[in-house]
């Protein structure tokens, strides 16, 4: 660890983890289809900060793309854009950003505005009459750009994962170290009840922590809950079950409390901080790290919480993420109980 940990940190923070935003998915809605709009679109395509996913022709399609989480930014050219620029010497471009992540939204709008202003300066070099392009910026879901909308879902995922995984694994391993587990297993009841009885307290503790976080977020941080509170709690309980199953799995592997705590911290703290998306944009990471992020339960929960709390979406928008979390929970529970029976029966 003394030799390998510095190497891993340098590689992660030097190459993989960066706040610079690159290759963000955007869409273009070009009602003008003239020379000026095509030239600006060409500049956007040439920028490594943007990747034009597709060209849409209606505001409704743009709204659906934002709700699905497919895009971060939309740029809309009004009709007669080039004519207004040539005759009125002023034209507008609408820039719409997903401000559920305020840092990303602010950065991307700055990138797009700089490209548009650069195009305007190029026009003025060849024209004695001053021309002006005015970007009209609209921030969806978080017009005030509050930072709480970004870190509150991340903190929820981090707290639930740490409490459930670490405390469950440590408590079960402690029973093994003291010899109590063997005594319980020879008692005249199902040995699985021993494990269930160890995880139930942390289930209720995690639900209590969730309630506290939501109350503080709404009352002190002015964080809205635009979606269904019931759906938010149901998805949170699903994450809790996933984390509890992971804690049971770690307890079957670890032989001491210190080992269980170390594995829990390494398996949950760093991946949740690095691969959830609330600290570092996942799309900017190298492909191997993006693949690894898919097996981190907190990543999918983070997407769910932002969709429900901030965007006010329903189950139809998060069913894929819910299915992934459910599959993770079932897989971890199956292998955990199977490994538990093999070792202790």
C-alpha atoms as a PDB file:
ATOM      1  CA  UNK A   1       0.000   0.000   0.000  1.00  0.00           C
ATOM      2  CA  UNK A   2       2.840   2.431   0.772  1.00  0.00           C
ATOM      3  CA  UNK A   3       4.235   2.012  -2.741  1.00  0.00           C
ATOM      4  CA  UNK A   4       1.103   1.346  -4.754  1.00  0.00           C
ATOM      5  CA  UNK A   5      -1.206   3.986  -3.235  1.00  0.00           C
ATOM      6  CA  UNK A   6       0.843   7.024  -4.399  1.00  0.00           C
ATOM      7  CA  UNK A   7       1.064   5.548  -7.900  1.00  0.00           C
ATOM      8  CA  UNK A   8      -2.700   5.013  -8.079  1.00  0.00           C
ATOM      9  CA  UNK A   9      -3.398   8.516  -6.761  1.00  0.00           C
ATOM     10  CA  UNK A  10      -1.094  10.152  -9.301  1.00  0.00           C
ATOM     11  CA  UNK A  11      -2.691   8.232 -12.158  1.00  0.00           C
ATOM     12  CA  UNK A  12      -6.236   8.969 -10.992  1.00  0.00           C
ATOM     13  CA  UNK A  13      -5.869  12.637 -10.161  1.00  0.00           C
ATOM     14  CA  UNK A  14      -3.372  13.375 -12.914  1.00  0.00           C
ATOM     15  CA  UNK A  15      -5.070  11.740 -15.881  1.00  0.00           C
ATOM     16  CA  UNK A  16      -8.542  10.511 -15.003  1.00  0.00           C
ATOM     17  CA  UNK A  17     -10.096  12.932 -12.531  1.00  0.00           C
ATOM     18  CA  UNK A  18     -10.443  16.483 -13.790  1.00  0.00           C
ATOM     19  CA  UNK A  19     -12.981  19.254 -13.462  1.00  0.00           C
ATOM     20  CA  UNK A  20     -12.410  20.203 -17.090  1.00  0.00           C
ATOM     21  CA  UNK A  21     -15.466  19.211 -19.110  1.00  0.00           C
ATOM     22  CA  UNK A  22     -14.941  17.540 -22.468  1.00  0.00           C
ATOM     23  CA  UNK A  23     -17.112  15.774 -25.028  1.00  0.00           C
ATOM     24  CA  UNK A  24     -20.399  16.778 -23.407  1.00  0.00           C
ATOM     25  CA  UNK A  25     -23.503  15.742 -25.309  1.00  0.00           C
ATOM     26  CA  UNK A  26     -25.448  18.675 -26.727  1.00  0.00           C
ATOM     27  CA  UNK A  27     -28.243  19.077 -29.252  1.00  0.00           C
ATOM     28  CA  UNK A  28     -28.878  21.766 -31.831  1.00  0.00           C
ATOM     29  CA  UNK A  29     -32.300  23.096 -32.770  1.00  0.00           C
ATOM     30  CA  UNK A  30     -31.710  25.098 -35.941  1.00  0.00           C
ATOM     31  CA  UNK A  31     -34.828  26.913 -37.128  1.00  0.00           C
ATOM     32  CA  UNK A  32     -32.723  29.226 -39.309  1.00  0.00           C
ATOM     33  CA  UNK A  33     -30.725  26.759 -41.426  1.00  0.00           C
ATOM     34  CA  UNK A  34     -28.721  29.630 -42.882  1.00  0.00           C
ATOM     35  CA  UNK A  35     -25.060  30.341 -43.420  1.00  0.00           C
ATOM     36  CA  UNK A  36     -24.461  31.970 -40.035  1.00  0.00           C
ATOM     37  CA  UNK A  37     -26.061  29.171 -38.022  1.00  0.00           C
ATOM     38  CA  UNK A  38     -24.159  26.517 -39.957  1.00  0.00           C
ATOM     39  CA  UNK A  39     -20.856  28.294 -39.327  1.00  0.00           C
ATOM     40  CA  UNK A  40     -21.500  28.481 -35.583  1.00  0.00           C
ATOM     41  CA  UNK A  41     -22.523  24.809 -35.545  1.00  0.00           C
ATOM     42  CA  UNK A  42     -19.263  24.012 -37.316  1.00  0.00           C
ATOM     43  CA  UNK A  43     -17.302  25.825 -34.606  1.00  0.00           C
ATOM     44  CA  UNK A  44     -19.183  23.886 -31.921  1.00  0.00           C
ATOM     45  CA  UNK A  45     -18.416  20.603 -33.671  1.00  0.00           C
ATOM     46  CA  UNK A  46     -14.736  21.512 -33.880  1.00  0.00           C
ATOM     47  CA  UNK A  47     -14.559  22.154 -30.130  1.00  0.00           C
ATOM     48  CA  UNK A  48     -13.452  19.207 -28.015  1.00  0.00           C
ATOM     49  CA  UNK A  49     -15.747  20.409 -25.251  1.00  0.00           C
ATOM     50  CA  UNK A  50     -18.891  19.443 -27.145  1.00  0.00           C
ATOM     51  CA  UNK A  51     -20.218  16.451 -28.994  1.00  0.00           C
ATOM     52  CA  UNK A  52     -23.330  17.178 -31.004  1.00  0.00           C
ATOM     53  CA  UNK A  53     -25.533  14.173 -30.407  1.00  0.00           C
ATOM     54  CA  UNK A  54     -28.260  15.054 -32.868  1.00  0.00           C
ATOM     55  CA  UNK A  55     -30.227  17.911 -34.400  1.00  0.00           C
ATOM     56  CA  UNK A  56     -33.752  18.387 -33.109  1.00  0.00           C
ATOM     57  CA  UNK A  57     -36.536  20.453 -34.575  1.00  0.00           C
ATOM     58  CA  UNK A  58     -38.858  21.140 -31.636  1.00  0.00           C
ATOM     59  CA  UNK A  59     -38.707  22.348 -28.048  1.00  0.00           C
ATOM     60  CA  UNK A  60     -40.665  19.284 -26.940  1.00  0.00           C
ATOM     61  CA  UNK A  61     -37.911  16.968 -28.155  1.00  0.00           C
ATOM     62  CA  UNK A  62     -35.356  19.048 -26.288  1.00  0.00           C
ATOM     63  CA  UNK A  63     -37.336  18.794 -23.066  1.00  0.00           C
ATOM     64  CA  UNK A  64     -37.600  15.019 -23.429  1.00  0.00           C
ATOM     65  CA  UNK A  65     -33.841  14.764 -24.046  1.00  0.00           C
ATOM     66  CA  UNK A  66     -33.133  16.735 -20.866  1.00  0.00           C
ATOM     67  CA  UNK A  67     -35.508  14.583 -18.820  1.00  0.00           C
ATOM     68  CA  UNK A  68     -33.857  11.423 -20.114  1.00  0.00           C
ATOM     69  CA  UNK A  69     -30.457  12.777 -19.089  1.00  0.00           C
ATOM     70  CA  UNK A  70     -29.092  12.313 -22.609  1.00  0.00           C
ATOM     71  CA  UNK A  71     -27.818  15.875 -23.015  1.00  0.00           C
ATOM     72  CA  UNK A  72     -26.249  18.635 -20.939  1.00  0.00           C
ATOM     73  CA  UNK A  73     -26.880  21.577 -23.231  1.00  0.00           C
ATOM     74  CA  UNK A  74     -29.178  22.687 -26.064  1.00  0.00           C
ATOM     75  CA  UNK A  75     -28.576  25.550 -28.478  1.00  0.00           C
ATOM     76  CA  UNK A  76     -31.510  27.008 -30.417  1.00  0.00           C
ATOM     77  CA  UNK A  77     -31.138  29.212 -33.499  1.00  0.00           C
ATOM     78  CA  UNK A  78     -34.261  31.289 -34.220  1.00  0.00           C
ATOM     79  CA  UNK A  79     -35.684  31.626 -37.698  1.00  0.00           C
ATOM     80  CA  UNK A  80     -34.138  34.379 -39.855  1.00  0.00           C
ATOM     81  CA  UNK A  81     -31.035  34.375 -37.680  1.00  0.00           C
ATOM     82  CA  UNK A  82     -28.714  35.482 -40.484  1.00  0.00           C
ATOM     83  CA  UNK A  83     -31.181  38.093 -41.795  1.00  0.00           C
ATOM     84  CA  UNK A  84     -31.513  39.713 -38.371  1.00  0.00           C
ATOM     85  CA  UNK A  85     -27.759  39.732 -38.001  1.00  0.00           C
ATOM     86  CA  UNK A  86     -27.259  41.310 -41.428  1.00  0.00           C
ATOM     87  CA  UNK A  87     -30.065  43.896 -41.380  1.00  0.00           C
ATOM     88  CA  UNK A  88     -30.683  44.605 -37.690  1.00  0.00           C
ATOM     89  CA  UNK A  89     -27.030  43.977 -36.763  1.00  0.00           C
ATOM     90  CA  UNK A  90     -28.193  41.989 -33.758  1.00  0.00           C
ATOM     91  CA  UNK A  91     -29.470  38.428 -33.278  1.00  0.00           C
ATOM     92  CA  UNK A  92     -30.227  36.124 -30.402  1.00  0.00           C
ATOM     93  CA  UNK A  93     -29.282  32.531 -29.674  1.00  0.00           C
ATOM     94  CA  UNK A  94     -30.951  30.593 -26.879  1.00  0.00           C
ATOM     95  CA  UNK A  95     -28.735  28.372 -24.721  1.00  0.00           C
ATOM     96  CA  UNK A  96     -30.507  25.919 -22.399  1.00  0.00           C
ATOM     97  CA  UNK A  97     -28.485  23.996 -19.808  1.00  0.00           C
ATOM     98  CA  UNK A  98     -29.290  21.224 -17.324  1.00  0.00           C
ATOM     99  CA  UNK A  99     -28.526  23.066 -14.089  1.00  0.00           C
ATOM    100  CA  UNK A 100     -29.181  20.085 -11.812  1.00  0.00           C
ATOM    101  CA  UNK A 101     -25.373  20.033 -11.868  1.00  0.00           C
ATOM    102  CA  UNK A 102     -24.723  23.786 -11.552  1.00  0.00           C
ATOM    103  CA  UNK A 103     -20.950  23.587 -12.021  1.00  0.00           C
ATOM    104  CA  UNK A 104     -21.239  21.679 -15.284  1.00  0.00           C
ATOM    105  CA  UNK A 105     -24.063  23.888 -16.534  1.00  0.00           C
ATOM    106  CA  UNK A 106     -22.163  27.094 -15.809  1.00  0.00           C
ATOM    107  CA  UNK A 107     -18.986  25.777 -17.442  1.00  0.00           C
ATOM    108  CA  UNK A 108     -20.735  24.558 -20.585  1.00  0.00           C
ATOM    109  CA  UNK A 109     -22.671  27.790 -21.069  1.00  0.00           C
ATOM    110  CA  UNK A 110     -19.397  29.698 -20.737  1.00  0.00           C
ATOM    111  CA  UNK A 111     -17.798  27.442 -23.371  1.00  0.00           C
ATOM    112  CA  UNK A 112     -20.708  27.921 -25.780  1.00  0.00           C
ATOM    113  CA  UNK A 113     -20.883  31.676 -25.181  1.00  0.00           C
ATOM    114  CA  UNK A 114     -17.154  32.030 -25.845  1.00  0.00           C
ATOM    115  CA  UNK A 115     -17.489  30.193 -29.177  1.00  0.00           C
ATOM    116  CA  UNK A 116     -20.438  32.359 -30.216  1.00  0.00           C
ATOM    117  CA  UNK A 117     -18.636  35.563 -29.208  1.00  0.00           C
ATOM    118  CA  UNK A 118     -15.566  34.433 -31.116  1.00  0.00           C
ATOM    119  CA  UNK A 119     -17.702  34.018 -34.232  1.00  0.00           C
ATOM    120  CA  UNK A 120     -19.128  37.501 -33.726  1.00  0.00           C
ATOM    121  CA  UNK A 121     -15.641  38.974 -33.500  1.00  0.00           C
ATOM    122  CA  UNK A 122     -14.667  37.252 -36.736  1.00  0.00           C
ATOM    123  CA  UNK A 123     -17.661  38.847 -38.455  1.00  0.00           C
ATOM    124  CA  UNK A 124     -16.775  42.308 -37.185  1.00  0.00           C
ATOM    125  CA  UNK A 125     -13.271  42.042 -38.656  1.00  0.00           C
ATOM    126  CA  UNK A 126     -14.799  41.926 -42.151  1.00  0.00           C
ATOM    127  CA  UNK A 127     -17.628  44.368 -41.477  1.00  0.00           C
ATOM    128  CA  UNK A 128     -17.385  48.010 -40.501  1.00  0.00           C
ATOM    129  CA  UNK A 129     -20.839  47.956 -38.924  1.00  0.00           C
ATOM    130  CA  UNK A 130     -20.799  46.474 -35.396  1.00  0.00           C
ATOM    131  CA  UNK A 131     -22.651  43.185 -35.168  1.00  0.00           C
ATOM    132  CA  UNK A 132     -23.932  41.718 -31.951  1.00  0.00           C
ATOM    133  CA  UNK A 133     -24.989  38.169 -31.070  1.00  0.00           C
ATOM    134  CA  UNK A 134     -26.820  37.981 -27.748  1.00  0.00           C
ATOM    135  CA  UNK A 135     -26.909  34.559 -26.028  1.00  0.00           C
ATOM    136  CA  UNK A 136     -30.103  34.076 -24.043  1.00  0.00           C
ATOM    137  CA  UNK A 137     -29.198  31.614 -21.289  1.00  0.00           C
ATOM    138  CA  UNK A 138     -31.802  29.497 -19.505  1.00  0.00           C
ATOM    139  CA  UNK A 139     -30.972  27.155 -16.636  1.00  0.00           C
ATOM    140  CA  UNK A 140     -33.362  24.226 -16.268  1.00  0.00           C
ATOM    141  CA  UNK A 141     -34.297  22.688 -12.892  1.00  0.00           C
ATOM    142  CA  UNK A 142     -32.003  25.005 -10.906  1.00  0.00           C
ATOM    143  CA  UNK A 143     -32.229  28.591 -12.206  1.00  0.00           C
ATOM    144  CA  UNK A 144     -30.492  29.998  -9.117  1.00  0.00           C
ATOM    145  CA  UNK A 145     -27.537  27.600  -9.584  1.00  0.00           C
ATOM    146  CA  UNK A 146     -27.637  26.404  -5.986  1.00  0.00           C
ATOM    147  CA  UNK A 147     -24.749  24.109  -5.117  1.00  0.00           C
ATOM    148  CA  UNK A 148     -26.942  22.001  -2.838  1.00  0.00           C
ATOM    149  CA  UNK A 149     -28.633  20.400  -5.830  1.00  0.00           C
ATOM    150  CA  UNK A 150     -25.329  18.777  -6.703  1.00  0.00           C
ATOM    151  CA  UNK A 151     -23.829  17.675  -3.411  1.00  0.00           C
ATOM    152  CA  UNK A 152     -26.973  16.699  -1.452  1.00  0.00           C
ATOM    153  CA  UNK A 153     -27.704  13.637  -3.676  1.00  0.00           C
ATOM    154  CA  UNK A 154     -24.006  12.742  -3.476  1.00  0.00           C
ATOM    155  CA  UNK A 155     -23.972  13.014   0.311  1.00  0.00           C
ATOM    156  CA  UNK A 156     -27.105  10.874   0.522  1.00  0.00           C
ATOM    157  CA  UNK A 157     -25.438   8.143  -1.522  1.00  0.00           C
ATOM    158  CA  UNK A 158     -22.192   8.391   0.448  1.00  0.00           C
ATOM    159  CA  UNK A 159     -23.830   8.254   3.888  1.00  0.00           C
ATOM    160  CA  UNK A 160     -26.140   5.363   3.062  1.00  0.00           C
ATOM    161  CA  UNK A 161     -23.375   3.314   1.480  1.00  0.00           C
ATOM    162  CA  UNK A 162     -20.853   3.882   4.271  1.00  0.00           C
ATOM    163  CA  UNK A 163     -23.234   3.263   7.161  1.00  0.00           C
ATOM    164  CA  UNK A 164     -24.743   0.121   5.695  1.00  0.00           C
ATOM    165  CA  UNK A 165     -21.625  -1.484   4.248  1.00  0.00           C
ATOM    166  CA  UNK A 166     -19.121  -0.700   6.973  1.00  0.00           C
ATOM    167  CA  UNK A 167     -21.320  -1.202  10.026  1.00  0.00           C
ATOM    168  CA  UNK A 168     -22.892  -4.407   8.722  1.00  0.00           C
ATOM    169  CA  UNK A 169     -19.570  -6.002   7.813  1.00  0.00           C
ATOM    170  CA  UNK A 170     -17.881  -4.952  11.064  1.00  0.00           C
ATOM    171  CA  UNK A 171     -20.753  -6.125  13.280  1.00  0.00           C
ATOM    172  CA  UNK A 172     -20.884  -9.597  11.703  1.00  0.00           C
ATOM    173  CA  UNK A 173     -17.100 -10.026  11.778  1.00  0.00           C
ATOM    174  CA  UNK A 174     -17.092  -8.999  15.438  1.00  0.00           C
ATOM    175  CA  UNK A 175     -19.430 -11.892  16.216  1.00  0.00           C
ATOM    176  CA  UNK A 176     -16.978 -14.225  14.482  1.00  0.00           C
ATOM    177  CA  UNK A 177     -13.992 -12.870  16.396  1.00  0.00           C
ATOM    178  CA  UNK A 178     -15.666 -13.287  19.780  1.00  0.00           C
ATOM    179  CA  UNK A 179     -16.951 -16.773  18.922  1.00  0.00           C
ATOM    180  CA  UNK A 180     -20.594 -15.743  19.296  1.00  0.00           C
ATOM    181  CA  UNK A 181     -21.415 -16.540  15.683  1.00  0.00           C
ATOM    182  CA  UNK A 182     -20.604 -20.246  16.077  1.00  0.00           C
ATOM    183  CA  UNK A 183     -22.774 -20.404  19.193  1.00  0.00           C
ATOM    184  CA  UNK A 184     -25.672 -18.773  17.393  1.00  0.00           C
ATOM    185  CA  UNK A 185     -25.351 -21.068  14.394  1.00  0.00           C
ATOM    186  CA  UNK A 186     -25.740 -24.216  16.506  1.00  0.00           C
ATOM    187  CA  UNK A 187     -28.881 -22.808  18.107  1.00  0.00           C
ATOM    188  CA  UNK A 188     -32.228 -24.334  17.037  1.00  0.00           C
ATOM    189  CA  UNK A 189     -33.214 -21.681  14.488  1.00  0.00           C
ATOM    190  CA  UNK A 190     -32.397 -20.800  10.922  1.00  0.00           C
ATOM    191  CA  UNK A 191     -28.842 -19.408  10.661  1.00  0.00           C
ATOM    192  CA  UNK A 192     -29.988 -16.840   8.125  1.00  0.00           C
ATOM    193  CA  UNK A 193     -32.019 -15.199  10.870  1.00  0.00           C
ATOM    194  CA  UNK A 194     -28.728 -14.373  12.568  1.00  0.00           C
ATOM    195  CA  UNK A 195     -27.603 -12.359   9.562  1.00  0.00           C
ATOM    196  CA  UNK A 196     -30.998 -10.740   9.100  1.00  0.00           C
ATOM    197  CA  UNK A 197     -31.094  -9.705  12.750  1.00  0.00           C
ATOM    198  CA  UNK A 198     -27.699  -8.035  12.356  1.00  0.00           C
ATOM    199  CA  UNK A 199     -28.718  -5.956   9.331  1.00  0.00           C
ATOM    200  CA  UNK A 200     -32.192  -4.827  10.447  1.00  0.00           C
ATOM    201  CA  UNK A 201     -30.887  -2.201  12.913  1.00  0.00           C
ATOM    202  CA  UNK A 202     -28.763  -0.626  10.199  1.00  0.00           C
ATOM    203  CA  UNK A 203     -31.725  -0.602   7.831  1.00  0.00           C
ATOM    204  CA  UNK A 204     -33.697   1.541  10.273  1.00  0.00           C
ATOM    205  CA  UNK A 205     -30.628   3.627  11.107  1.00  0.00           C
ATOM    206  CA  UNK A 206     -30.094   4.361   7.421  1.00  0.00           C
ATOM    207  CA  UNK A 207     -33.739   5.347   6.972  1.00  0.00           C
ATOM    208  CA  UNK A 208     -33.363   7.684   9.955  1.00  0.00           C
ATOM    209  CA  UNK A 209     -30.237   9.197   8.408  1.00  0.00           C
ATOM    210  CA  UNK A 210     -32.129   9.656   5.147  1.00  0.00           C
ATOM    211  CA  UNK A 211     -34.934  11.501   6.923  1.00  0.00           C
ATOM    212  CA  UNK A 212     -32.451  13.764   8.700  1.00  0.00           C
ATOM    213  CA  UNK A 213     -30.625  14.587   5.476  1.00  0.00           C
ATOM    214  CA  UNK A 214     -33.869  15.403   3.651  1.00  0.00           C
ATOM    215  CA  UNK A 215     -35.190  17.570   6.494  1.00  0.00           C
ATOM    216  CA  UNK A 216     -31.942  19.524   6.750  1.00  0.00           C
ATOM    217  CA  UNK A 217     -31.760  19.891   2.976  1.00  0.00           C
ATOM    218  CA  UNK A 218     -35.293  21.280   2.715  1.00  0.00           C
ATOM    219  CA  UNK A 219     -35.242  23.513   5.816  1.00  0.00           C
ATOM    220  CA  UNK A 220     -31.667  24.804   5.915  1.00  0.00           C
ATOM    221  CA  UNK A 221     -30.415  24.495   2.342  1.00  0.00           C
ATOM    222  CA  UNK A 222     -33.730  25.331   0.647  1.00  0.00           C
ATOM    223  CA  UNK A 223     -33.437  22.170  -1.438  1.00  0.00           C
ATOM    224  CA  UNK A 224     -36.679  21.315  -3.251  1.00  0.00           C
ATOM    225  CA  UNK A 225     -38.231  17.877  -3.537  1.00  0.00           C
ATOM    226  CA  UNK A 226     -40.049  18.266  -6.819  1.00  0.00           C
ATOM    227  CA  UNK A 227     -40.900  14.585  -7.286  1.00  0.00           C
ATOM    228  CA  UNK A 228     -42.628  11.898  -5.281  1.00  0.00           C
ATOM    229  CA  UNK A 229     -41.360  11.537  -1.702  1.00  0.00           C
ATOM    230  CA  UNK A 230     -42.628   7.955  -1.642  1.00  0.00           C
ATOM    231  CA  UNK A 231     -40.647   7.111  -4.770  1.00  0.00           C
ATOM    232  CA  UNK A 232     -37.546   8.744  -3.305  1.00  0.00           C
ATOM    233  CA  UNK A 233     -37.823   6.656  -0.126  1.00  0.00           C
ATOM    234  CA  UNK A 234     -38.483   3.479  -2.093  1.00  0.00           C
ATOM    235  CA  UNK A 235     -35.382   4.015  -4.235  1.00  0.00           C
ATOM    236  CA  UNK A 236     -33.335   4.836  -1.138  1.00  0.00           C
ATOM    237  CA  UNK A 237     -34.437   1.626   0.566  1.00  0.00           C
ATOM    238  CA  UNK A 238     -33.404  -0.265  -2.557  1.00  0.00           C
ATOM    239  CA  UNK A 239     -29.919   1.252  -2.286  1.00  0.00           C
ATOM    240  CA  UNK A 240     -29.845   0.394   1.425  1.00  0.00           C
ATOM    241  CA  UNK A 241     -30.614  -3.261   0.656  1.00  0.00           C
ATOM    242  CA  UNK A 242     -27.856  -3.242  -1.958  1.00  0.00           C
ATOM    243  CA  UNK A 243     -25.381  -1.785   0.525  1.00  0.00           C
ATOM    244  CA  UNK A 244     -26.426  -4.251   3.256  1.00  0.00           C
ATOM    245  CA  UNK A 245     -25.910  -7.139   0.855  1.00  0.00           C
ATOM    246  CA  UNK A 246     -22.445  -5.814   0.032  1.00  0.00           C
ATOM    247  CA  UNK A 247     -21.681  -5.552   3.746  1.00  0.00           C
ATOM    248  CA  UNK A 248     -22.670  -9.200   4.261  1.00  0.00           C
ATOM    249  CA  UNK A 249     -20.462 -10.191   1.341  1.00  0.00           C
ATOM    250  CA  UNK A 250     -17.477  -8.341   2.829  1.00  0.00           C
ATOM    251  CA  UNK A 251     -18.077  -9.944   6.230  1.00  0.00           C
ATOM    252  CA  UNK A 252     -17.811 -13.390   4.637  1.00  0.00           C
ATOM    253  CA  UNK A 253     -14.372 -12.489   3.301  1.00  0.00           C
ATOM    254  CA  UNK A 254     -12.832 -10.492   6.148  1.00  0.00           C
ATOM    255  CA  UNK A 255     -11.383 -12.278   9.168  1.00  0.00           C
ATOM    256  CA  UNK A 256     -11.035  -9.276  11.473  1.00  0.00           C
ATOM    257  CA  UNK A 257     -12.880  -6.050  12.170  1.00  0.00           C
ATOM    258  CA  UNK A 258      -9.930  -3.984  10.977  1.00  0.00           C
ATOM    259  CA  UNK A 259      -9.894  -5.836   7.672  1.00  0.00           C
ATOM    260  CA  UNK A 260     -13.640  -5.426   7.254  1.00  0.00           C
ATOM    261  CA  UNK A 261     -13.408  -1.703   7.962  1.00  0.00           C
ATOM    262  CA  UNK A 262     -10.492  -1.237   5.566  1.00  0.00           C
ATOM    263  CA  UNK A 263     -12.202  -3.146   2.772  1.00  0.00           C
ATOM    264  CA  UNK A 264     -15.441  -1.240   3.339  1.00  0.00           C
ATOM    265  CA  UNK A 265     -13.705   2.121   3.187  1.00  0.00           C
ATOM    266  CA  UNK A 266     -11.713   1.217   0.090  1.00  0.00           C
ATOM    267  CA  UNK A 267     -14.697  -0.417  -1.606  1.00  0.00           C
ATOM    268  CA  UNK A 268     -17.190   2.342  -0.827  1.00  0.00           C
ATOM    269  CA  UNK A 269     -15.628   5.655   0.166  1.00  0.00           C
ATOM    270  CA  UNK A 270     -13.255   6.160  -2.763  1.00  0.00           C
ATOM    271  CA  UNK A 271     -15.521   4.680  -5.481  1.00  0.00           C
ATOM    272  CA  UNK A 272     -18.487   6.720  -4.226  1.00  0.00           C
ATOM    273  CA  UNK A 273     -16.467   9.917  -4.197  1.00  0.00           C
ATOM    274  CA  UNK A 274     -14.747   9.319  -7.517  1.00  0.00           C
ATOM    275  CA  UNK A 275     -17.234   7.406  -9.674  1.00  0.00           C
ATOM    276  CA  UNK A 276     -20.632   8.773  -8.650  1.00  0.00           C
ATOM    277  CA  UNK A 277     -20.425  11.955 -10.680  1.00  0.00           C
ATOM    278  CA  UNK A 278     -21.043  14.655  -8.112  1.00  0.00           C
ATOM    279  CA  UNK A 279     -17.359  15.548  -7.757  1.00  0.00           C
ATOM    280  CA  UNK A 280     -15.842  14.627 -11.129  1.00  0.00           C
ATOM    281  CA  UNK A 281     -17.716  14.321 -14.449  1.00  0.00           C
ATOM    282  CA  UNK A 282     -17.751  10.645 -15.433  1.00  0.00           C
ATOM    283  CA  UNK A 283     -17.901  11.383 -19.163  1.00  0.00           C
ATOM    284  CA  UNK A 284     -14.440  12.978 -18.948  1.00  0.00           C
ATOM    285  CA  UNK A 285     -12.802   9.857 -17.551  1.00  0.00           C
ATOM    286  CA  UNK A 286     -10.940   7.304 -19.679  1.00  0.00           C
ATOM    287  CA  UNK A 287     -12.995   4.403 -20.987  1.00  0.00           C
ATOM    288  CA  UNK A 288     -11.721   1.820 -18.416  1.00  0.00           C
ATOM    289  CA  UNK A 289     -12.773   4.070 -15.525  1.00  0.00           C
ATOM    290  CA  UNK A 290     -16.156   4.758 -17.126  1.00  0.00           C
ATOM    291  CA  UNK A 291     -16.694   1.009 -17.333  1.00  0.00           C
ATOM    292  CA  UNK A 292     -15.690   0.565 -13.680  1.00  0.00           C
ATOM    293  CA  UNK A 293     -18.129   3.286 -12.626  1.00  0.00           C
ATOM    294  CA  UNK A 294     -21.018   1.141 -13.874  1.00  0.00           C
ATOM    295  CA  UNK A 295     -20.522  -1.347 -11.020  1.00  0.00           C
ATOM    296  CA  UNK A 296     -20.698   1.353  -8.323  1.00  0.00           C
ATOM    297  CA  UNK A 297     -24.263   1.327  -6.901  1.00  0.00           C
ATOM    298  CA  UNK A 298     -24.015   4.941  -5.752  1.00  0.00           C
ATOM    299  CA  UNK A 299     -23.672   6.148  -9.348  1.00  0.00           C
ATOM    300  CA  UNK A 300     -27.121   4.879 -10.295  1.00  0.00           C
ATOM    301  CA  UNK A 301     -28.663   6.085  -7.044  1.00  0.00           C
ATOM    302  CA  UNK A 302     -27.183   9.545  -7.643  1.00  0.00           C
ATOM    303  CA  UNK A 303     -28.910   9.699 -11.028  1.00  0.00           C
ATOM    304  CA  UNK A 304     -32.188   8.540  -9.465  1.00  0.00           C
ATOM    305  CA  UNK A 305     -32.120  11.131  -6.673  1.00  0.00           C
ATOM    306  CA  UNK A 306     -31.378  14.001  -9.047  1.00  0.00           C
ATOM    307  CA  UNK A 307     -34.154  12.873 -11.391  1.00  0.00           C
ATOM    308  CA  UNK A 308     -36.746  12.613  -8.614  1.00  0.00           C
ATOM    309  CA  UNK A 309     -35.755  15.450  -6.287  1.00  0.00           C
ATOM    310  CA  UNK A 310     -34.603  18.088  -8.747  1.00  0.00           C
ATOM    311  CA  UNK A 311     -36.248  17.269 -12.062  1.00  0.00           C
ATOM    312  CA  UNK A 312     -39.485  15.979 -10.552  1.00  0.00           C
ATOM    313  CA  UNK A 313     -39.589  12.912 -12.791  1.00  0.00           C
ATOM    314  CA  UNK A 314     -41.483   9.700 -12.121  1.00  0.00           C
ATOM    315  CA  UNK A 315     -40.630   6.022 -12.237  1.00  0.00           C
ATOM    316  CA  UNK A 316     -40.845   5.898 -16.030  1.00  0.00           C
ATOM    317  CA  UNK A 317     -37.702   8.044 -16.249  1.00  0.00           C
ATOM    318  CA  UNK A 318     -35.606   6.008 -13.799  1.00  0.00           C
ATOM    319  CA  UNK A 319     -36.715   2.443 -14.365  1.00  0.00           C
ATOM    320  CA  UNK A 320     -33.410   1.468 -15.982  1.00  0.00           C
ATOM    321  CA  UNK A 321     -31.362   2.695 -13.018  1.00  0.00           C
ATOM    322  CA  UNK A 322     -33.821   1.034 -10.637  1.00  0.00           C
ATOM    323  CA  UNK A 323     -33.506  -2.263 -12.486  1.00  0.00           C
ATOM    324  CA  UNK A 324     -29.697  -2.073 -12.285  1.00  0.00           C
ATOM    325  CA  UNK A 325     -29.794  -1.460  -8.522  1.00  0.00           C
ATOM    326  CA  UNK A 326     -32.292  -4.286  -8.038  1.00  0.00           C
ATOM    327  CA  UNK A 327     -30.103  -6.675 -10.031  1.00  0.00           C
ATOM    328  CA  UNK A 328     -27.064  -5.667  -7.964  1.00  0.00           C
ATOM    329  CA  UNK A 329     -28.944  -6.247  -4.712  1.00  0.00           C
ATOM    330  CA  UNK A 330     -30.169  -9.690  -5.806  1.00  0.00           C
ATOM    331  CA  UNK A 331     -26.731 -10.728  -7.070  1.00  0.00           C
ATOM    332  CA  UNK A 332     -24.963  -9.641  -3.879  1.00  0.00           C
ATOM    333  CA  UNK A 333     -27.559 -11.287  -1.649  1.00  0.00           C
ATOM    334  CA  UNK A 334     -27.334 -14.587  -3.527  1.00  0.00           C
ATOM    335  CA  UNK A 335     -23.557 -14.823  -3.466  1.00  0.00           C
ATOM    336  CA  UNK A 336     -23.387 -13.549   0.128  1.00  0.00           C
ATOM    337  CA  UNK A 337     -25.758 -16.158   1.544  1.00  0.00           C
ATOM    338  CA  UNK A 338     -24.223 -18.872  -0.591  1.00  0.00           C
ATOM    339  CA  UNK A 339     -20.741 -18.049   0.631  1.00  0.00           C
ATOM    340  CA  UNK A 340     -21.983 -17.772   4.194  1.00  0.00           C
ATOM    341  CA  UNK A 341     -23.504 -21.288   4.117  1.00  0.00           C
ATOM    342  CA  UNK A 342     -20.343 -22.765   2.597  1.00  0.00           C
ATOM    343  CA  UNK A 343     -18.054 -21.371   5.243  1.00  0.00           C
ATOM    344  CA  UNK A 344     -20.074 -21.692   8.411  1.00  0.00           C
ATOM    345  CA  UNK A 345     -22.311 -24.758   7.996  1.00  0.00           C
END
